[in-house]
Amino acid sequence: MSNSNFKALWDFIFLSGGEMIGKVAGFAAFAYLARILGPTAYGSVEVALALLAILTLLVQFGFGPIGAREISRKPETINSYARLIPGSRLVLALIAVPSMWVIAEVMGNSPPTKELIFIMAFALFGIVWNQSWLFQGMEKMRLVSFNQALKMVFYFVCVVLFVKSAKDLTKVAYIEVAAAALTAFYFLVLQRVAKVPIGIRIKPQKALYMIKKAFSVGASNVVWALNQYLPTLLVALLIGGVSTAWLGSAHRVVNAIITFSMVYHFSLFPAVSYRLQHSTLAFEQIVWPSFRVTAWVGIAIALTVSLLAKWISVIVFGEVFVEAALPMSVLVWSLPLTLLNGHARWALIAKEKQRYVLFAQLAGTVTTIVIGLLLIPYYGPLGGAVAMVFCSGIVWFVAHLYAIKKVAPIPSIDIVWRPVCLAMLILLLINRFGEESIILSISGITVFILLAPLLDKSLISDMHKLSKIKDDKNFDIEGN
C-alpha cells in the first residue's frame, strides 16, 4: 500500500505516532517526577501546568484553525498569515505572562508553587512560533508529527538528569521553558525548509482584526482548557494538599489519551472543511463513519482505563498514588464524550459558526463550577472527576444541538447506545464478581473488542471508508 492511498489513515498514523512517542516519554517523565518529588510537590507541578495549559490556549487563541482554513482555501495567503499569526500571538503572550503571575498570587499558592509558576510562565513565548497550523493547512501533517515526540523526549531526559529531589522543584519550570523553546526552533526550521517567509507582523489594527476574526474559536479553546483543568484547580483551592496530586495524576493519564481526540479531529478538519464547501451530503459521508468509529474506539479505551485504573496508577506513579485510581476510573469517561462532541465543534468551526462552540464550552464551564463546588468538598478528587465528565457531556449536548441547526444532521445516541450498553454491562459484571482480578478485567476488554463488529455490522465498513476519506474526491455533491 503506497503512502498516496488511505491518506486520512496515514496522516493520523503519523500524527498519533508522534503523539504516542511523546506521551510515552511524558508518562515516564511525570512518573519519575511523582516518585522523586512526592505527592505535595508533585501537586504544585500539576497546578502550575494547569495554569500554563489554559494560558497557552489564550496565546494560541484559535488563530491556528482560522489560518489553516484560510490557506487551505486560498494558498496564496500563506506568506501573509505566516507572519500575521505569530505577531498576533506575541501580543497575547505579552498579556498572558503577567496574567499567570497575578493568578498565582490570587490563588494564594505556597512560595515554592508561586516560584514554579513565575518561571514556567515564560514558556508561553514559545507558543508564538508553534506553526503546526501552517502545515495542517498545507496538508503536510507528517511534518508536524515529530514535534511532540522531540519535545517530550527532551523533557524526559532533562528531568532525569537535573531533578533529583523535591529541592529541585524549580528546575521543572526551567525544563518546561527549554522544551517550549525547542518546539519553537523546530517549527522555524520546518518553515524555512518549506520556503515560507519567517517573520512577525505586529500592527495594532491587524492584531485586533485577527483577534476579532478568531475570537469565537480562541475563546472557546481557552474555555475548553479551563474545563479540562478547572477540576484540578478547584481541588487545589477547596482542599489542597495531596488531593491535588490524586486528581492531577489521574488527569495526567486521561488528558494524555484525550490528546488523541484533538489529533484525530485536527487531521480530519481540512477534509471536513473542504466537503462542507460542496454540500451537506458530502459532509454527512464523512461524519457518520467517523462518529461510529470514534464511539466504539473511545468507549473501548475508556473501559480499558476504567478497569485497569488501579494498576495504571501504581505502575506509573508508584504505590503512594493508589488513591488516584478511583478518580481516574471516572475521569476517563470524558474521553468518548470529547471524541464525539468534536464532530459538532469542528463542523461549526468549518462552517464559520465558531461562536456556537464558545456557547457550548461556556455551558460546560458553568456545569463544572456548579458540580465541582457541590461535590469536591465532600468527595474530594472523585467529585472533581465527576464534574469533568458532566462538563464533557453538556458540551456535547449543546454543540450537537447547534450543529444540527446551523450545519447539518449529525448522528448521536442512535449509534452510541450499543457500545455504551456493552461497556456498562461488562463494568457491572466485573465490579460485581472480580474487581481485583486483572485477568478478568483483560477478559472483559477482549470481549468488548470481539463483540463490537458483531453488534454493529457497519463498524468495519465505516473504518474502511474513514481511512480513505481524504483520497476520495468523487463524493456526492447533491443536497444543500
Protein backbone atom coordinates (compact mmCIF):
# COMPACT_ATOMS: atom_id res chain seq x y z
CA MET A 1 0.00 0.00 0.00
CA SER A 2 1.53 3.30 -1.06
CA ASN A 3 1.56 6.41 1.02
CA SER A 4 -0.68 8.17 -1.52
CA ASN A 5 -3.55 5.85 -0.67
CA PHE A 6 -5.53 5.94 2.57
CA LYS A 7 -4.26 9.48 3.20
CA ALA A 8 -6.51 10.12 6.22
CA LEU A 9 -5.28 6.91 7.82
CA TRP A 10 -1.63 7.65 7.10
CA ASP A 11 -1.91 11.23 8.35
CA PHE A 12 -3.46 10.01 11.59
CA ILE A 13 -0.88 7.25 11.98
CA PHE A 14 1.99 9.72 11.59
CA LEU A 15 0.40 12.29 13.90
CA SER A 16 -0.68 9.75 16.51
CA GLY A 17 2.69 8.01 16.21
CA GLY A 18 4.46 11.22 17.16
CA GLU A 19 1.95 11.79 19.92
CA MET A 20 2.38 8.22 21.15
CA ILE A 21 6.15 8.59 21.43
CA GLY A 22 5.60 11.93 23.15
CA LYS A 23 3.05 10.51 25.55
CA VAL A 24 5.25 7.57 26.49
CA ALA A 25 8.13 9.95 27.17
CA GLY A 26 5.75 12.26 29.04
CA PHE A 27 4.43 9.37 31.11
CA ALA A 28 7.95 8.38 32.00
CA ALA A 29 8.84 11.98 32.90
CA PHE A 30 5.85 12.56 35.15
CA ALA A 31 6.09 9.09 36.69
CA TYR A 32 9.67 9.97 37.60
CA LEU A 33 8.62 13.37 38.97
CA ALA A 34 5.82 11.85 41.06
CA ARG A 35 8.19 9.38 42.65
CA ILE A 36 11.04 11.89 43.18
CA LEU A 37 9.05 14.94 44.30
CA GLY A 38 6.38 13.22 46.39
CA PRO A 39 2.62 14.00 46.39
CA THR A 40 2.76 17.55 47.78
CA ALA A 41 5.46 18.93 45.46
CA TYR A 42 4.02 16.99 42.54
CA GLY A 43 0.66 18.62 43.23
CA SER A 44 2.41 22.00 42.81
CA VAL A 45 3.67 20.90 39.39
CA GLU A 46 0.15 19.94 38.32
CA VAL A 47 -1.26 23.32 39.45
CA ALA A 48 1.45 25.20 37.52
CA LEU A 49 0.95 23.10 34.40
CA ALA A 50 -2.83 23.54 34.60
CA LEU A 51 -2.44 27.33 34.55
CA LEU A 52 0.13 27.08 31.75
CA ALA A 53 -2.22 24.92 29.64
CA ILE A 54 -5.10 27.39 29.99
CA LEU A 55 -2.97 30.42 29.13
CA THR A 56 -1.28 28.54 26.27
CA LEU A 57 -4.63 28.43 24.52
CA LEU A 58 -5.10 32.11 25.27
CA VAL A 59 -1.87 32.81 23.35
CA GLN A 60 -2.86 30.46 20.52
CA PHE A 61 -6.37 31.97 20.62
CA GLY A 62 -7.83 29.99 17.76
CA PHE A 63 -5.57 31.60 15.17
CA GLY A 64 -4.42 28.14 14.07
CA PRO A 65 -7.76 26.73 12.83
CA ILE A 66 -8.59 30.07 11.18
CA GLY A 67 -5.20 30.20 9.46
CA ALA A 68 -5.38 26.55 8.38
CA ARG A 69 -8.87 27.08 6.99
CA GLU A 70 -7.87 30.20 5.05
CA ILE A 71 -4.67 28.86 3.48
CA SER A 72 -6.37 25.55 2.57
CA ARG A 73 -8.92 27.61 0.63
CA LYS A 74 -6.54 30.30 -0.64
CA PRO A 75 -2.93 29.02 -0.79
CA GLU A 76 -1.72 32.39 -1.99
CA THR A 77 -2.34 33.83 1.51
CA ILE A 78 0.29 31.58 3.18
CA ASN A 79 3.06 34.19 3.35
CA SER A 80 0.75 36.78 4.88
CA TYR A 81 -0.71 34.51 7.58
CA ALA A 82 2.72 33.00 8.37
CA ARG A 83 3.77 36.42 9.72
CA LEU A 84 0.44 37.76 10.91
CA ILE A 85 -0.39 34.88 13.26
CA PRO A 86 2.95 34.89 15.17
CA GLY A 87 2.63 38.67 15.51
CA SER A 88 -0.87 38.41 16.94
CA ARG A 89 0.23 35.63 19.31
CA LEU A 90 3.14 37.71 20.56
CA VAL A 91 0.75 40.49 21.57
CA LEU A 92 -1.31 37.97 23.56
CA ALA A 93 1.80 36.40 25.11
CA LEU A 94 2.81 39.80 26.49
CA ILE A 95 -0.57 39.86 28.24
CA ALA A 96 -0.68 36.19 29.29
CA VAL A 97 2.69 36.02 31.09
CA PRO A 98 1.95 38.68 33.73
CA SER A 99 -1.61 37.34 33.97
CA MET A 100 -0.24 33.98 35.03
CA TRP A 101 1.78 35.66 37.78
CA VAL A 102 -1.29 37.54 39.03
CA ILE A 103 -3.40 34.37 39.11
CA ALA A 104 -0.73 32.60 41.17
CA GLU A 105 -0.90 35.42 43.74
CA VAL A 106 -4.70 35.48 43.84
CA MET A 107 -4.88 31.71 44.37
CA GLY A 108 -2.69 32.07 47.46
CA ASN A 109 -0.28 29.30 46.49
CA SER A 110 2.73 28.38 48.61
CA PRO A 111 6.01 30.21 47.88
CA PRO A 112 7.57 27.22 46.04
CA THR A 113 4.45 26.92 43.86
CA LYS A 114 4.48 30.65 43.10
CA GLU A 115 8.13 30.49 42.07
CA LEU A 116 7.40 27.49 39.86
CA ILE A 117 4.53 29.36 38.16
CA PHE A 118 6.58 32.56 37.76
CA ILE A 119 9.34 30.79 35.83
CA MET A 120 7.05 28.49 33.86
CA ALA A 121 5.09 31.47 32.51
CA PHE A 122 7.97 32.29 30.15
CA ALA A 123 7.20 29.09 28.23
CA LEU A 124 4.22 30.98 26.78
CA PHE A 125 6.58 32.89 24.48
CA GLY A 126 7.47 29.61 22.77
CA ILE A 127 3.82 29.24 21.70
CA VAL A 128 4.24 32.24 19.41
CA TRP A 129 6.24 30.10 16.95
CA ASN A 130 4.20 26.90 17.14
CA GLN A 131 3.31 26.84 13.44
CA SER A 132 1.58 23.44 13.32
CA TRP A 133 -1.49 25.13 11.83
CA LEU A 134 0.61 26.19 8.82
CA PHE A 135 1.44 22.61 7.86
CA GLN A 136 -2.12 21.49 8.64
CA GLY A 137 -3.43 23.95 6.05
CA MET A 138 -0.75 22.86 3.57
CA GLU A 139 -1.81 19.20 4.05
CA LYS A 140 1.68 18.32 5.32
CA MET A 141 0.58 16.73 8.57
CA ARG A 142 3.53 14.35 8.76
CA LEU A 143 5.93 17.21 9.29
CA VAL A 144 4.06 18.04 12.50
CA SER A 145 4.17 14.50 13.88
CA PHE A 146 7.78 14.59 15.12
CA ASN A 147 7.32 17.73 17.21
CA GLN A 148 5.58 16.24 20.26
CA ALA A 149 7.97 13.29 20.36
CA LEU A 150 11.00 15.59 20.20
CA LYS A 151 9.66 17.89 22.91
CA MET A 152 8.73 15.19 25.42
CA VAL A 153 11.83 13.05 24.89
CA PHE A 154 13.87 16.18 25.56
CA TYR A 155 11.69 16.89 28.62
CA PHE A 156 12.18 13.35 29.96
CA VAL A 157 15.95 13.41 29.53
CA CYS A 158 16.25 16.79 31.26
CA VAL A 159 14.02 15.73 34.15
CA VAL A 160 16.08 12.60 34.78
CA LEU A 161 19.37 14.49 34.52
CA PHE A 162 18.52 17.52 36.66
CA VAL A 163 15.65 16.70 39.07
CA LYS A 164 16.92 14.56 41.94
CA SER A 165 14.69 15.57 44.88
CA ALA A 166 11.87 17.90 45.96
CA LYS A 167 14.54 20.61 46.38
CA ASP A 168 14.86 20.70 42.59
CA LEU A 169 11.23 21.71 42.08
CA THR A 170 12.03 24.97 40.26
CA LYS A 171 14.19 23.07 37.76
CA VAL A 172 10.96 21.56 36.41
CA ALA A 173 9.90 25.07 35.37
CA TYR A 174 13.20 25.78 33.61
CA ILE A 175 12.88 22.48 31.74
CA GLU A 176 9.37 23.44 30.61
CA VAL A 177 10.67 26.74 29.24
CA ALA A 178 13.52 24.98 27.44
CA ALA A 179 11.10 22.46 25.89
CA ALA A 180 8.89 25.30 24.61
CA ALA A 181 11.94 26.96 23.07
CA LEU A 182 12.90 23.69 21.35
CA THR A 183 9.40 23.40 19.86
CA ALA A 184 9.61 26.94 18.50
CA PHE A 185 13.01 26.23 16.94
CA TYR A 186 11.70 23.04 15.33
CA PHE A 187 8.84 24.83 13.57
CA LEU A 188 11.08 27.67 12.46
CA VAL A 189 13.36 25.12 10.78
CA LEU A 190 10.38 23.43 9.11
CA GLN A 191 9.08 26.78 7.91
CA ARG A 192 12.47 27.64 6.45
CA VAL A 193 12.66 24.28 4.66
CA ALA A 194 9.15 24.81 3.29
CA LYS A 195 10.35 28.17 1.90
CA VAL A 196 7.68 30.10 3.76
CA PRO A 197 8.98 33.52 4.90
CA ILE A 198 9.75 33.79 8.63
CA GLY A 199 8.73 36.99 10.31
CA ILE A 200 6.44 38.75 12.74
CA ARG A 201 3.95 41.31 11.60
CA ILE A 202 2.72 43.44 14.50
CA LYS A 203 0.25 46.13 13.65
CA PRO A 204 -2.40 47.05 16.24
CA GLN A 205 -5.19 47.15 13.67
CA LYS A 206 -4.11 43.80 12.19
CA ALA A 207 -3.78 42.20 15.63
CA LEU A 208 -7.26 43.42 16.57
CA TYR A 209 -8.56 42.17 13.22
CA MET A 210 -7.09 38.70 13.85
CA ILE A 211 -8.37 38.59 17.41
CA LYS A 212 -11.84 39.60 16.25
CA LYS A 213 -11.77 37.03 13.44
CA ALA A 214 -10.61 34.23 15.73
CA PHE A 215 -12.46 35.37 18.86
CA SER A 216 -15.07 32.63 18.95
CA VAL A 217 -12.56 29.85 18.26
CA GLY A 218 -9.93 31.32 20.57
CA ALA A 219 -12.32 31.99 23.42
CA SER A 220 -13.87 28.53 23.08
CA ASN A 221 -10.38 26.94 23.15
CA VAL A 222 -9.47 28.87 26.29
CA VAL A 223 -12.75 27.82 27.90
CA TRP A 224 -12.09 24.24 26.75
CA ALA A 225 -8.75 24.29 28.56
CA LEU A 226 -10.48 25.82 31.57
CA ASN A 227 -12.97 22.95 31.52
CA GLN A 228 -10.11 20.44 31.36
CA TYR A 229 -8.09 21.87 34.23
CA LEU A 230 -10.69 23.63 36.37
CA PRO A 231 -11.46 20.49 38.43
CA THR A 232 -7.77 20.23 39.44
CA LEU A 233 -7.65 23.94 40.29
CA LEU A 234 -10.89 23.67 42.30
CA VAL A 235 -9.48 20.73 44.27
CA ALA A 236 -6.33 22.77 44.93
CA LEU A 237 -8.40 25.74 46.12
CA LEU A 238 -11.06 23.87 48.14
CA ILE A 239 -8.96 21.04 49.64
CA GLY A 240 -5.31 21.31 48.59
CA GLY A 241 -2.57 19.01 49.83
CA VAL A 242 -2.22 15.53 48.42
CA SER A 243 -5.76 15.57 46.98
CA THR A 244 -4.44 17.81 44.20
CA ALA A 245 -1.86 15.14 43.36
CA TRP A 246 -4.52 12.38 43.24
CA LEU A 247 -6.72 14.22 40.73
CA GLY A 248 -3.76 15.79 38.93
CA SER A 249 -2.07 12.45 38.29
CA ALA A 250 -5.35 10.86 37.20
CA HIS A 251 -5.95 13.77 34.85
CA ARG A 252 -2.38 13.47 33.57
CA VAL A 253 -3.15 9.95 32.31
CA VAL A 254 -6.60 10.78 30.94
CA ASN A 255 -5.51 14.02 29.31
CA ALA A 256 -2.68 12.20 27.54
CA ILE A 257 -5.30 9.95 25.94
CA ILE A 258 -7.72 12.81 25.22
CA THR A 259 -4.95 14.49 23.22
CA PHE A 260 -5.56 11.87 20.53
CA SER A 261 -9.08 13.27 20.15
CA MET A 262 -7.55 16.62 19.23
CA VAL A 263 -5.04 14.94 16.90
CA TYR A 264 -7.81 13.00 15.20
CA HIS A 265 -10.08 15.98 14.56
CA PHE A 266 -7.08 18.17 13.73
CA SER A 267 -6.12 15.71 11.00
CA LEU A 268 -9.67 15.39 9.67
CA PHE A 269 -10.52 19.11 9.73
CA PRO A 270 -9.27 20.06 6.22
CA ALA A 271 -11.40 17.28 4.68
CA VAL A 272 -14.43 18.34 6.73
CA SER A 273 -13.99 21.98 5.73
CA TYR A 274 -13.49 21.07 2.06
CA ARG A 275 -16.58 18.90 1.90
CA LEU A 276 -18.79 21.41 3.67
CA GLN A 277 -17.98 23.85 0.87
CA HIS A 278 -19.57 21.46 -1.61
CA SER A 279 -22.67 20.11 0.09
CA THR A 280 -24.34 18.84 3.21
CA LEU A 281 -24.41 15.34 1.75
CA ALA A 282 -20.67 15.35 1.16
CA PHE A 283 -20.18 16.30 4.81
CA GLU A 284 -22.52 13.56 6.02
CA GLN A 285 -20.46 10.99 4.10
CA ILE A 286 -17.51 11.75 6.37
CA VAL A 287 -19.17 12.50 9.71
CA TRP A 288 -21.34 9.37 10.00
CA PRO A 289 -18.50 6.83 9.58
CA SER A 290 -16.31 8.95 11.84
CA PHE A 291 -18.94 9.09 14.56
CA ARG A 292 -19.44 5.32 14.61
CA VAL A 293 -15.71 4.52 14.67
CA THR A 294 -14.86 7.07 17.38
CA ALA A 295 -17.81 5.93 19.52
CA TRP A 296 -16.58 2.34 19.63
CA VAL A 297 -12.89 3.19 19.91
CA GLY A 298 -13.40 5.90 22.54
CA ILE A 299 -15.61 3.73 24.73
CA ALA A 300 -13.20 0.78 24.36
CA ILE A 301 -10.33 2.94 25.63
CA ALA A 302 -12.44 4.33 28.48
CA LEU A 303 -13.47 0.81 29.51
CA THR A 304 -9.84 -0.33 29.44
CA VAL A 305 -8.55 2.52 31.63
CA SER A 306 -11.51 2.26 33.99
CA LEU A 307 -10.90 -1.44 34.60
CA LEU A 308 -7.13 -1.10 34.90
CA ALA A 309 -7.01 2.25 36.77
CA LYS A 310 -5.53 0.79 39.96
CA TRP A 311 -2.67 -0.94 38.17
CA ILE A 312 -2.02 2.09 35.95
CA SER A 313 -1.78 4.40 39.00
CA VAL A 314 0.60 2.12 40.87
CA ILE A 315 2.79 1.26 37.88
CA VAL A 316 3.07 4.82 36.56
CA PHE A 317 3.22 6.89 39.74
CA GLY A 318 4.04 4.42 42.50
CA GLU A 319 2.23 2.74 45.39
CA VAL A 320 1.59 6.02 47.19
CA PHE A 321 -0.58 7.19 44.26
CA VAL A 322 -3.07 4.30 44.51
CA GLU A 323 -5.68 6.84 45.65
CA ALA A 324 -5.66 8.26 42.12
CA ALA A 325 -7.28 5.07 40.75
CA LEU A 326 -10.89 5.91 41.64
CA PRO A 327 -10.95 9.43 40.12
CA MET A 328 -9.09 8.06 37.08
CA SER A 329 -11.69 5.34 36.50
CA VAL A 330 -14.41 8.01 36.41
CA LEU A 331 -12.48 10.79 34.67
CA VAL A 332 -11.62 8.63 31.65
CA TRP A 333 -15.26 8.61 30.52
CA SER A 334 -14.80 12.19 29.42
CA LEU A 335 -12.70 10.75 26.54
CA PRO A 336 -15.52 9.26 24.42
CA LEU A 337 -17.64 12.33 25.14
CA THR A 338 -14.83 14.60 23.92
CA LEU A 339 -14.23 12.47 20.82
CA LEU A 340 -17.91 12.57 19.93
CA ASN A 341 -18.54 16.24 20.66
CA GLY A 342 -15.53 17.05 18.46
CA HIS A 343 -17.63 16.33 15.37
CA ALA A 344 -20.10 19.07 16.23
CA ARG A 345 -17.43 21.53 17.42
CA TRP A 346 -15.17 21.23 14.37
CA ALA A 347 -18.14 21.21 11.96
CA LEU A 348 -19.29 24.52 13.44
CA ILE A 349 -15.78 25.94 13.00
CA ALA A 350 -15.59 24.71 9.40
CA LYS A 351 -18.95 26.38 8.72
CA GLU A 352 -17.66 29.60 10.34
CA LYS A 353 -20.15 29.32 13.22
CA GLN A 354 -17.43 29.48 15.87
CA ARG A 355 -19.46 31.44 18.40
CA TYR A 356 -21.72 28.45 18.99
CA VAL A 357 -18.70 26.37 20.00
CA LEU A 358 -17.96 29.04 22.59
CA PHE A 359 -21.53 28.84 23.90
CA ALA A 360 -21.19 25.07 24.29
CA GLN A 361 -17.88 25.38 26.13
CA LEU A 362 -19.28 28.06 28.45
CA ALA A 363 -22.18 25.76 29.30
CA GLY A 364 -19.57 23.15 30.23
CA THR A 365 -17.72 25.64 32.44
CA VAL A 366 -20.87 26.52 34.36
CA THR A 367 -21.55 22.80 34.82
CA THR A 368 -18.02 22.19 36.10
CA ILE A 369 -18.21 25.02 38.63
CA VAL A 370 -21.65 24.07 39.95
CA ILE A 371 -20.97 20.33 40.24
CA GLY A 372 -17.42 20.92 41.46
CA LEU A 373 -18.50 23.24 44.25
CA LEU A 374 -21.21 20.80 45.27
CA LEU A 375 -19.18 17.58 45.19
CA ILE A 376 -15.49 18.39 45.76
CA PRO A 377 -15.84 19.48 49.43
CA TYR A 378 -17.47 16.11 50.22
CA TYR A 379 -15.94 13.68 47.74
CA GLY A 380 -12.60 15.33 47.01
CA PRO A 381 -10.85 14.26 43.76
CA LEU A 382 -13.76 11.97 42.86
CA GLY A 383 -16.06 14.98 42.87
CA GLY A 384 -13.69 16.77 40.51
CA ALA A 385 -13.69 13.77 38.16
CA VAL A 386 -17.48 13.64 38.10
CA ALA A 387 -17.62 17.38 37.36
CA MET A 388 -15.36 16.97 34.33
CA VAL A 389 -17.41 14.08 32.90
CA PHE A 390 -20.63 16.08 33.26
CA CYS A 391 -18.89 19.05 31.64
CA SER A 392 -17.94 16.97 28.58
CA GLY A 393 -21.49 15.68 28.31
CA ILE A 394 -23.02 19.16 28.43
CA VAL A 395 -20.56 20.44 25.82
CA TRP A 396 -21.61 17.59 23.53
CA PHE A 397 -25.31 18.21 24.09
CA VAL A 398 -25.17 21.96 23.40
CA ALA A 399 -22.73 21.74 20.46
CA HIS A 400 -24.78 18.92 18.96
CA LEU A 401 -27.97 20.99 19.03
CA TYR A 402 -26.24 23.95 17.40
CA ALA A 403 -24.59 21.76 14.74
CA ILE A 404 -27.90 20.20 13.74
CA LYS A 405 -29.47 23.64 13.45
CA LYS A 406 -26.57 25.53 11.82
CA VAL A 407 -24.61 22.91 9.85
CA ALA A 408 -26.18 19.54 9.08
CA PRO A 409 -27.62 16.42 10.74
CA ILE A 410 -25.07 14.74 13.00
CA PRO A 411 -25.54 11.25 14.49
CA SER A 412 -25.95 10.84 18.23
CA ILE A 413 -27.43 8.25 20.59
CA ASP A 414 -28.65 6.07 17.72
CA ILE A 415 -25.04 4.98 17.15
CA VAL A 416 -23.67 5.29 20.69
CA TRP A 417 -26.15 3.18 22.63
CA ARG A 418 -24.69 -0.20 21.62
CA PRO A 419 -21.09 0.39 22.81
CA VAL A 420 -22.35 2.20 25.92
CA CYS A 421 -24.65 -0.65 26.97
CA LEU A 422 -21.99 -3.29 26.29
CA ALA A 423 -19.34 -1.38 28.27
CA MET A 424 -21.68 -0.75 31.22
CA LEU A 425 -22.66 -4.42 31.32
CA ILE A 426 -19.01 -5.53 31.37
CA LEU A 427 -18.17 -2.98 34.11
CA LEU A 428 -21.13 -4.12 36.20
CA LEU A 429 -20.24 -7.80 35.95
CA ILE A 430 -16.53 -7.33 36.67
CA ASN A 431 -17.10 -4.96 39.61
CA ARG A 432 -19.62 -7.44 41.00
CA PHE A 433 -17.59 -10.63 40.61
CA GLY A 434 -13.91 -9.80 40.12
CA GLU A 435 -12.96 -6.20 40.77
CA GLU A 436 -9.43 -7.04 41.85
CA SER A 437 -8.76 -9.55 39.06
CA ILE A 438 -6.57 -8.20 36.28
CA ILE A 439 -7.20 -11.37 34.25
CA LEU A 440 -10.96 -10.87 34.42
CA SER A 441 -10.54 -7.19 33.54
CA ILE A 442 -8.47 -8.04 30.46
CA SER A 443 -11.04 -10.68 29.52
CA GLY A 444 -13.80 -8.08 29.71
CA ILE A 445 -11.87 -5.74 27.43
CA THR A 446 -11.29 -8.58 24.96
CA VAL A 447 -14.99 -9.46 24.94
CA PHE A 448 -15.87 -5.84 24.14
CA ILE A 449 -13.46 -5.74 21.19
CA LEU A 450 -14.64 -9.08 19.78
CA LEU A 451 -18.34 -8.26 20.09
CA ALA A 452 -18.04 -4.75 18.58
CA PRO A 453 -18.20 -5.77 14.86
CA LEU A 454 -20.90 -8.34 15.63
CA LEU A 455 -23.20 -5.88 17.41
CA ASP A 456 -22.60 -3.11 14.88
CA LYS A 457 -22.47 -4.52 11.36
CA SER A 458 -21.43 -1.18 9.84
CA LEU A 459 -18.33 -0.72 12.01
CA ILE A 460 -15.76 -2.46 9.79
CA SER A 461 -17.01 -0.89 6.55
CA ASP A 462 -17.07 2.56 8.18
CA MET A 463 -13.49 2.10 9.37
CA HIS A 464 -12.50 1.36 5.78
CA LYS A 465 -14.43 4.38 4.44
CA LEU A 466 -12.87 6.65 7.04
CA SER A 467 -9.32 5.51 6.27
CA LYS A 468 -9.72 6.55 2.62
CA ILE A 469 -11.76 9.69 3.18
CA LYS A 470 -9.01 12.09 2.05
CA ASP A 471 -8.37 10.13 -1.15
CA ASP A 472 -12.00 10.20 -2.22
CA LYS A 473 -12.65 13.33 -4.26
CA ASN A 474 -15.60 11.74 -6.09
CA PHE A 475 -18.12 12.20 -3.31
CA ASP A 476 -21.76 13.10 -3.94
CA ILE A 477 -22.49 16.82 -4.06
CA GLU A 478 -26.24 16.68 -4.00
CA GLY A 479 -28.13 18.35 -1.21
CA ASN A 480 -27.80 21.77 0.34
